[in-house]
Amino acid sequence: MPAASVGNSAYAQLSNVLSQDVVNKIDPYVEVKNNKYVLNDDVKKVITYAEYVSAQEVIAHTNQLINGSSFVINKSTKTATLEFEINNSGKSVRVLPSTEDSKIQPRAKHHFGVNKVEFGWNYIRVFIDKRTAKAVASGGLAGLTAIITAAVDPD
């Protein structure tokens, strides 16, 4: 299942249910097991039942997005990062290798950013480099959604 097609508007609504204060309370109780986010039951001592249910829904949705993709969750940072390259014509995306211990690729002294998608248990961040941003702005690429979909689900 392409990751980009999994109810992203529902995901945004779920994420907005949890305030930053609640997210901060939950963070220490989020664990990584078998490349999935898991909420430790001790969190029930610091948040309400409704907040717990919302957090479980967000985690289930994030795990669904990561499942079957090339993402590997780093147990120490609790993030899953996937870097990708776009060829000069903008017609194909190459996903860079990723493992739990992956380090960000070394950059030239004057680099112009990075293309990557990063998951946390309750967020998705997309980073694009200067060249990709210019291509998206000028319409040279089919669109940012296509880029993200290709990076997240390269098959």
Foldseek 3Di string as FASTA:
>chain_A
DQLLPQPPVVLVVLLVVADPVLCVLQVVQWFADPQATDGHPVSCVPDPPVSVVSLVVLRVSLRVSQPPWQWGQQGVVQKTKWFWDADPQQPAIGIDHDDNPDDPDDDDPDFFWTFMWMDHSRDIDTIDGPVVVVCQVVVSHVHPSVVVSCRGHVD
